[in-house]
Amino acid sequence: MNSVAGIGAGGYRRRVIYQHPLAYLLGVEGLALLRAWAGDHDEEFVRARLAEVRRLLDEPALAGHPGVVVRRGDTPSAYRRWSGTYDEPRNSLFDVDEPVMREILDPLPAGVVLDAACGTGRYAEYLAARGHRVHGVDTSPDMLGRARARVPDGGFLRGELDRLPMADGSVDVVVCALALVHVPALAPVMAEFARVLKPGGHLVISDVHRDLVLLGSVVHSPGPAGEPGLAPTYRHSTGDYLRAALPVGLRARRCEEPRPAPADRVATAPEQITVGDWADWPWTLLPLVPAASSAAWDRSPVLVWHFQLDLS
């Protein structure tokens, strides 16, 4: 199952995706052990992880699992499927990005705002309530429909981030939340953001942190018959954002990597291992190794940027 599927961004060969629950769990254990190697945990933690690895390797439900071959899906299909439940139950990333995003947005004077990749209108609704005149752009008709219902006075259009249906210099603020993770190259998108901003305008971005993608938080995009699939997802580095923003006149004013509130206690691993269905991975796998999961996932899940366009 390792036939080449094409050449991806950056020139690397994109192969068929193969996911195995044992491989995921061992990866989480490995990340936890690396944290211990750097000094974050003690000998007791390390020996417990090694014992847990042996247990996982000896578990028939894991060792005998055939694994899952996963197709490369598409973003519009993924969000069409997700649109009905995107806001409920509440996405845990909202609780992490919103305090910092609002801290940046709240002092800005009311003006014309573009919510780029607006989704169901989470930020469009917030900014409209603060007196801004709101426009939204998204590729998903289903998401746009929900945004229009949420913000009846907003102007919502279907469009791509690298081809925004907005005039040059027409908006005071661009907001883009949890969307650039699906963009293979940031430069064309940043250039569009700069094009539609007025001189001195503000760009406020939250994005899924590259570490979270590495940990397996990738939007599912099942095929027509429900076959497993993943939406295109990219791990952008901090330098990638700057290399895309600075040449088009966007100057960084703030960058944050907020963390969620720490859990009060680490859960106990279940006595019986149940792998669960692929549709619920990796979330059903993480409780199988709670201490390792807590260590591996102890990092910011989002990256927040505030840029301002040059006045000249």
Protein backbone atom coordinates (compact mmCIF):
# COMPACT_ATOMS: atom_id res chain seq x y z
CA MET A 1 0.00 0.00 0.00
CA ASN A 2 2.84 2.42 -0.64
CA SER A 3 2.22 3.42 -4.23
CA VAL A 4 2.99 7.04 -5.02
CA ALA A 5 -0.15 9.18 -5.20
CA GLY A 6 1.50 12.35 -6.51
CA ILE A 7 3.81 15.18 -5.59
CA GLY A 8 2.64 17.34 -2.70
CA ALA A 9 3.53 20.85 -1.55
CA GLY A 10 7.24 21.24 -1.03
CA GLY A 11 8.06 18.59 -3.62
CA TYR A 12 7.75 15.52 -1.38
CA ARG A 13 6.06 12.39 -2.67
CA ARG A 14 2.55 11.89 -1.35
CA ARG A 15 1.86 8.23 -0.65
CA VAL A 16 -1.30 6.41 0.30
CA ILE A 17 -2.19 7.08 3.95
CA TYR A 18 -2.13 4.04 6.22
CA GLN A 19 -3.27 4.41 9.82
CA HIS A 20 -2.81 1.75 12.49
CA PRO A 21 -3.99 2.20 16.09
CA LEU A 22 -0.88 0.56 17.53
CA ALA A 23 1.34 2.84 15.47
CA TYR A 24 -0.51 5.90 16.77
CA LEU A 25 -0.29 4.83 20.39
CA LEU A 26 3.42 4.02 20.11
CA GLY A 27 3.93 7.44 18.54
CA VAL A 28 2.22 9.11 21.49
CA GLU A 29 4.35 7.07 23.89
CA GLY A 30 7.46 8.12 21.96
CA LEU A 31 6.58 11.81 22.19
CA ALA A 32 5.96 11.42 25.92
CA LEU A 33 9.35 9.70 26.35
CA LEU A 34 11.06 12.49 24.42
CA ARG A 35 9.52 15.02 26.80
CA ALA A 36 10.97 12.98 29.67
CA TRP A 37 14.35 12.82 27.91
CA ALA A 38 14.37 16.64 27.88
CA GLY A 39 13.69 16.71 31.62
CA ASP A 40 9.93 17.16 31.85
CA HIS A 41 9.31 13.86 33.69
CA ASP A 42 11.08 11.56 36.13
CA GLU A 43 12.29 7.94 36.19
CA GLU A 44 8.96 6.61 37.44
CA PHE A 45 7.22 8.17 34.44
CA VAL A 46 9.76 6.72 31.99
CA ARG A 47 9.54 3.20 33.43
CA ALA A 48 5.74 3.38 33.39
CA ARG A 49 5.82 4.36 29.71
CA LEU A 50 8.17 1.50 28.84
CA ALA A 51 5.91 -0.96 30.65
CA GLU A 52 2.89 0.46 28.86
CA VAL A 53 4.62 0.08 25.48
CA ARG A 54 5.23 -3.61 26.25
CA ARG A 55 1.56 -3.98 27.18
CA LEU A 56 0.44 -2.34 23.95
CA LEU A 57 2.70 -4.57 21.85
CA ASP A 58 1.28 -7.68 23.53
CA GLU A 59 -2.38 -6.62 23.18
CA PRO A 60 -4.09 -8.78 20.50
CA ALA A 61 -6.69 -6.12 19.69
CA LEU A 62 -3.85 -3.81 18.68
CA ALA A 63 -1.18 -6.14 17.31
CA GLY A 64 -3.75 -8.04 15.25
CA HIS A 65 -5.55 -4.97 13.91
CA PRO A 66 -5.35 -4.73 10.10
CA GLY A 67 -5.07 -0.95 10.11
CA VAL A 68 -6.95 1.36 7.76
CA VAL A 69 -6.05 2.65 4.32
CA VAL A 70 -7.20 6.28 4.11
CA ARG A 71 -7.93 8.28 0.98
CA ARG A 72 -6.94 11.89 0.49
CA GLY A 73 -10.25 13.74 0.66
CA ASP A 74 -11.13 17.35 -0.07
CA THR A 75 -11.86 20.31 2.17
CA PRO A 76 -15.34 21.32 0.82
CA SER A 77 -16.69 17.78 1.33
CA ALA A 78 -15.25 17.65 4.83
CA TYR A 79 -16.89 20.91 5.89
CA ARG A 80 -20.17 20.11 4.14
CA ARG A 81 -20.35 17.02 6.34
CA TRP A 82 -19.27 18.96 9.44
CA SER A 83 -21.38 22.09 8.94
CA GLY A 84 -24.38 20.79 10.87
CA THR A 85 -22.37 20.08 14.03
CA TYR A 86 -19.44 22.50 13.68
CA ASP A 87 -20.63 24.73 16.53
CA GLU A 88 -22.31 22.08 18.69
CA PRO A 89 -20.77 20.41 20.53
CA ARG A 90 -18.46 23.37 20.82
CA ASN A 91 -15.07 22.88 19.20
CA SER A 92 -12.48 22.92 22.00
CA LEU A 93 -10.17 25.09 19.87
CA PHE A 94 -12.68 27.94 20.12
CA ASP A 95 -12.01 28.22 23.85
CA VAL A 96 -8.29 28.59 23.15
CA ASP A 97 -8.26 31.03 20.22
CA GLU A 98 -11.13 33.33 21.22
CA PRO A 99 -9.63 35.03 24.31
CA VAL A 100 -6.51 36.12 22.40
CA MET A 101 -8.36 36.95 19.17
CA ARG A 102 -10.88 39.10 21.01
CA GLU A 103 -8.11 40.82 22.97
CA ILE A 104 -6.63 41.91 19.63
CA LEU A 105 -9.92 42.71 17.91
CA ASP A 106 -11.75 44.55 20.69
CA PRO A 107 -9.64 47.77 20.64
CA LEU A 108 -9.98 48.17 16.86
CA PRO A 109 -12.48 50.86 15.80
CA ALA A 110 -15.67 49.78 14.05
CA GLY A 111 -15.25 49.50 10.31
CA VAL A 112 -15.53 47.07 7.41
CA VAL A 113 -14.48 43.53 8.31
CA LEU A 114 -13.85 40.52 6.10
CA ASP A 115 -14.24 37.17 7.82
CA ALA A 116 -12.14 35.06 5.44
CA ALA A 117 -13.07 31.35 5.55
CA CYS A 118 -15.93 32.47 7.76
CA GLY A 119 -17.41 29.02 8.32
CA THR A 120 -20.65 29.30 10.24
CA GLY A 121 -19.96 32.96 11.07
CA ARG A 122 -18.44 32.65 14.53
CA TYR A 123 -16.32 35.80 14.25
CA ALA A 124 -18.69 37.55 11.84
CA GLU A 125 -21.40 37.40 14.50
CA TYR A 126 -19.07 38.65 17.22
CA LEU A 127 -17.77 41.56 15.17
CA ALA A 128 -21.20 42.56 13.87
CA ALA A 129 -22.37 42.81 17.47
CA ARG A 130 -19.47 45.21 18.09
CA GLY A 131 -20.63 47.58 15.34
CA HIS A 132 -18.55 46.40 12.38
CA ARG A 133 -19.96 46.04 8.87
CA VAL A 134 -19.25 42.40 8.14
CA HIS A 135 -18.53 40.47 4.97
CA GLY A 136 -17.73 36.77 4.86
CA VAL A 137 -16.14 34.46 2.29
CA ASP A 138 -16.05 30.68 2.34
CA THR A 139 -15.80 27.80 -0.13
CA SER A 140 -18.60 25.82 1.55
CA PRO A 141 -22.20 26.70 0.59
CA ASP A 142 -23.41 24.84 3.67
CA MET A 143 -21.22 26.89 5.99
CA LEU A 144 -22.24 30.12 4.23
CA GLY A 145 -25.89 29.26 4.69
CA ARG A 146 -25.40 28.97 8.41
CA ALA A 147 -23.38 32.19 8.53
CA ARG A 148 -26.15 34.09 6.70
CA ALA A 149 -28.73 32.82 9.19
CA ARG A 150 -26.47 33.80 12.06
CA VAL A 151 -25.66 37.29 10.73
CA PRO A 152 -28.60 38.40 8.53
CA ASP A 153 -27.11 41.84 7.88
CA GLY A 154 -23.75 40.49 6.72
CA GLY A 155 -22.67 40.07 3.12
CA PHE A 156 -21.54 36.50 2.48
CA LEU A 157 -20.00 35.25 -0.76
CA ARG A 158 -18.56 32.01 -1.97
CA GLY A 159 -14.88 32.31 -2.83
CA GLU A 160 -11.33 31.08 -2.41
CA LEU A 161 -8.79 32.59 -0.03
CA ASP A 162 -6.32 33.19 -2.86
CA ARG A 163 -9.02 34.84 -5.04
CA LEU A 164 -11.16 36.91 -2.70
CA PRO A 165 -14.29 38.48 -4.24
CA MET A 166 -13.49 41.86 -2.68
CA ALA A 167 -12.18 45.13 -4.14
CA ASP A 168 -8.68 46.42 -3.52
CA GLY A 169 -8.31 48.37 -0.28
CA SER A 170 -11.93 47.81 0.70
CA VAL A 171 -11.73 46.50 4.27
CA ASP A 172 -10.32 47.71 7.57
CA VAL A 173 -9.86 44.30 9.19
CA VAL A 174 -9.43 40.77 7.87
CA VAL A 175 -10.10 37.90 10.26
CA CYS A 176 -9.20 34.33 9.36
CA ALA A 177 -9.79 31.60 11.93
CA LEU A 178 -8.61 27.97 11.87
CA ALA A 179 -8.46 27.81 8.08
CA LEU A 180 -4.93 28.32 6.78
CA VAL A 181 -4.04 24.81 7.92
CA HIS A 182 -5.83 23.66 4.74
CA VAL A 183 -3.84 25.97 2.44
CA PRO A 184 -0.73 24.43 0.83
CA ALA A 185 1.03 27.75 0.20
CA LEU A 186 0.53 30.83 2.38
CA ALA A 187 2.05 33.45 0.06
CA PRO A 188 -0.91 33.77 -2.38
CA VAL A 189 -3.37 34.03 0.50
CA MET A 190 -1.35 36.63 2.40
CA ALA A 191 -1.04 38.63 -0.81
CA GLU A 192 -4.84 38.61 -1.17
CA PHE A 193 -5.30 39.69 2.42
CA ALA A 194 -2.91 42.59 1.83
CA ARG A 195 -4.68 43.50 -1.43
CA VAL A 196 -8.13 43.89 0.12
CA LEU A 197 -6.91 45.71 3.25
CA LYS A 198 -6.82 49.49 3.45
CA PRO A 199 -3.38 50.95 4.27
CA GLY A 200 -2.87 50.54 7.99
CA GLY A 201 -5.53 47.80 8.11
CA HIS A 202 -5.31 44.84 10.44
CA LEU A 203 -5.06 41.10 9.77
CA VAL A 204 -5.91 38.82 12.71
CA ILE A 205 -5.36 35.10 12.24
CA SER A 206 -5.81 32.00 14.32
CA ASP A 207 -4.67 28.71 12.89
CA VAL A 208 -4.36 25.10 13.94
CA HIS A 209 -0.86 24.69 15.34
CA ARG A 210 1.45 22.48 13.33
CA ASP A 211 2.08 20.40 16.49
CA LEU A 212 -1.62 19.57 16.72
CA VAL A 213 -1.62 18.31 13.14
CA LEU A 214 1.40 16.15 13.94
CA LEU A 215 -0.55 14.68 16.85
CA GLY A 216 -3.28 13.54 14.47
CA SER A 217 -5.90 16.27 14.71
CA VAL A 218 -6.92 16.26 11.05
CA VAL A 219 -10.44 16.88 9.73
CA HIS A 220 -12.05 13.73 8.37
CA SER A 221 -13.31 13.80 4.79
CA PRO A 222 -15.05 10.49 4.02
CA GLY A 223 -15.54 9.41 0.43
CA PRO A 224 -18.87 9.01 -1.42
CA ALA A 225 -19.45 5.57 0.09
CA GLY A 226 -18.22 6.61 3.52
CA GLU A 227 -14.71 5.28 2.98
CA PRO A 228 -12.09 6.81 5.32
CA GLY A 229 -10.59 10.06 4.10
CA LEU A 230 -8.72 13.09 5.44
CA ALA A 231 -9.01 16.71 4.36
CA PRO A 232 -5.80 18.25 2.97
CA THR A 233 -3.86 19.56 5.97
CA TYR A 234 -0.48 21.28 6.12
CA ARG A 235 2.00 21.95 8.92
CA HIS A 236 3.00 25.60 8.51
CA SER A 237 5.96 26.81 10.56
CA THR A 238 6.18 30.21 12.21
CA GLY A 239 8.68 31.21 9.53
CA ASP A 240 6.22 30.23 6.79
CA TYR A 241 3.76 32.89 7.97
CA LEU A 242 6.43 35.57 8.16
CA ARG A 243 7.94 34.71 4.76
CA ALA A 244 4.46 35.05 3.25
CA ALA A 245 3.44 38.21 5.12
CA LEU A 246 6.48 40.48 5.17
CA PRO A 247 7.05 40.81 1.39
CA VAL A 248 3.48 42.09 0.88
CA GLY A 249 3.75 44.78 3.55
CA LEU A 250 2.17 42.95 6.47
CA ARG A 251 4.10 43.66 9.66
CA ALA A 252 3.83 41.35 12.66
CA ARG A 253 2.52 43.09 15.75
CA ARG A 254 1.81 40.05 17.91
CA CYS A 255 2.17 36.28 17.89
CA GLU A 256 0.76 33.98 20.56
CA GLU A 257 0.61 30.24 21.20
CA PRO A 258 -2.12 30.01 23.85
CA ARG A 259 -2.67 26.85 25.82
CA PRO A 260 -5.88 25.42 27.26
CA ALA A 261 -6.32 25.25 30.99
CA PRO A 262 -4.48 22.20 32.40
CA ALA A 263 -6.52 19.20 33.48
CA ASP A 264 -6.93 18.74 37.23
CA ARG A 265 -5.73 15.14 37.08
CA VAL A 266 -4.65 12.50 34.62
CA ALA A 267 -7.20 9.72 34.07
CA THR A 268 -6.42 6.07 34.69
CA ALA A 269 -5.84 3.76 31.73
CA PRO A 270 -8.74 1.32 31.17
CA GLU A 271 -8.12 -2.33 31.98
CA GLN A 272 -9.60 -3.46 28.67
CA ILE A 273 -8.41 -1.98 25.39
CA THR A 274 -11.11 -1.14 22.87
CA VAL A 275 -9.86 0.30 19.59
CA GLY A 276 -13.15 1.78 18.33
CA ASP A 277 -14.02 2.79 14.78
CA TRP A 278 -11.70 4.75 12.52
CA ALA A 279 -14.25 7.59 12.35
CA ASP A 280 -13.51 8.33 16.03
CA TRP A 281 -9.71 8.12 15.86
CA PRO A 282 -7.54 9.44 17.42
CA TRP A 283 -9.95 10.59 20.13
CA THR A 284 -10.93 7.06 21.19
CA LEU A 285 -7.27 6.02 21.28
CA LEU A 286 -5.98 8.78 23.56
CA PRO A 287 -7.79 7.50 26.71
CA LEU A 288 -5.99 4.15 26.31
CA VAL A 289 -2.70 5.85 27.29
CA PRO A 290 -3.81 8.84 29.40
CA ALA A 291 -0.45 9.69 31.01
CA ALA A 292 1.41 9.53 27.70
CA SER A 293 -1.38 11.47 25.97
CA SER A 294 -1.27 14.18 28.63
CA ALA A 295 2.49 14.56 28.16
CA ALA A 296 2.45 14.42 24.35
CA TRP A 297 -0.47 16.85 24.01
CA ASP A 298 0.88 19.36 26.53
CA ARG A 299 1.39 22.15 23.99
CA SER A 300 -0.50 24.94 22.30
CA PRO A 301 -3.15 23.75 19.85
CA VAL A 302 -3.40 27.08 18.00
CA LEU A 303 -1.23 29.90 16.70
CA VAL A 304 -2.58 33.48 16.77
CA TRP A 305 -1.14 36.34 14.66
CA HIS A 306 -1.80 40.06 14.48
CA PHE A 307 -0.41 41.78 11.36
CA GLN A 308 -0.85 45.35 10.21
CA LEU A 309 -0.51 46.55 6.62
CA ASP A 310 2.02 49.29 5.93
CA LEU A 311 0.55 52.76 5.46
CA SER A 312 2.50 53.38 2.24
